[in-house]
Amino acid sequence: MLLTFLQTLSLLLPIFISGLFLILCIKKRLFVGLDIPLDKGTRMWGQPLFGANKTYRGILVHVGISITVTVILWYFAPSAPWIHPIFYNSPLILGFLYAAAYSLGELINSFIKRRLAIPAGTQAKRIQYFFDTTDGIILVGCMFVGVYHVAPLQALAAVVLGCGAHLATDALMKRLRLK
């Protein structure tokens, strides 16, 4: 039981660590040259496509750090039973898919928020706040099940734990006045 719990936690490490690293980059103003909005000001129905907060820095940090963490977990997986077997797969592909799934969830949520005229970076109402804290991790959970055949209950547990981690990092960003 403990081993399964630890393996479930290990599923979150690539996204959790990349999220923490992104917070560090924002706080310390690292890689600010990449703070170019992905939508480059494109508008749809009078609203930005994604908004100014969805930047190349965010995508590239998530990709780079997710791949790095996945490579480290892949390297140690054979001798560390607490690391989920998903990390026996190609770490470059797996790390990229982590970042791609998470980022796609974030972009979909931002796209919908802009269509609802919710300004970038503002506190959303209850239902939208739910999606703000679950958007990326839900797609990562779908990737676990659909691509890597992780047991659905374990993927769901990872999603729930990931949402808790997202709430914690959201609180950290507010405390650091980054939100």
Foldseek 3Di string as FASTA:
>chain_A
DVLLVLQLVLLCVLQLVLLVVVLVCLLVVNPVVFQQAPQNQDDDPRFGQQASRHTRSSLVSSLVSLLVSLVVCCVCVVPDSSHHPLSVPDSNVLSNQLSVQLSVLSSVLSNVCRVVVNHPPDDDDDVSVQSVLQRRLVSSLVCCCVPVNDPNVSSVVSSVVSSVSSVVVVVVCVVSVVD
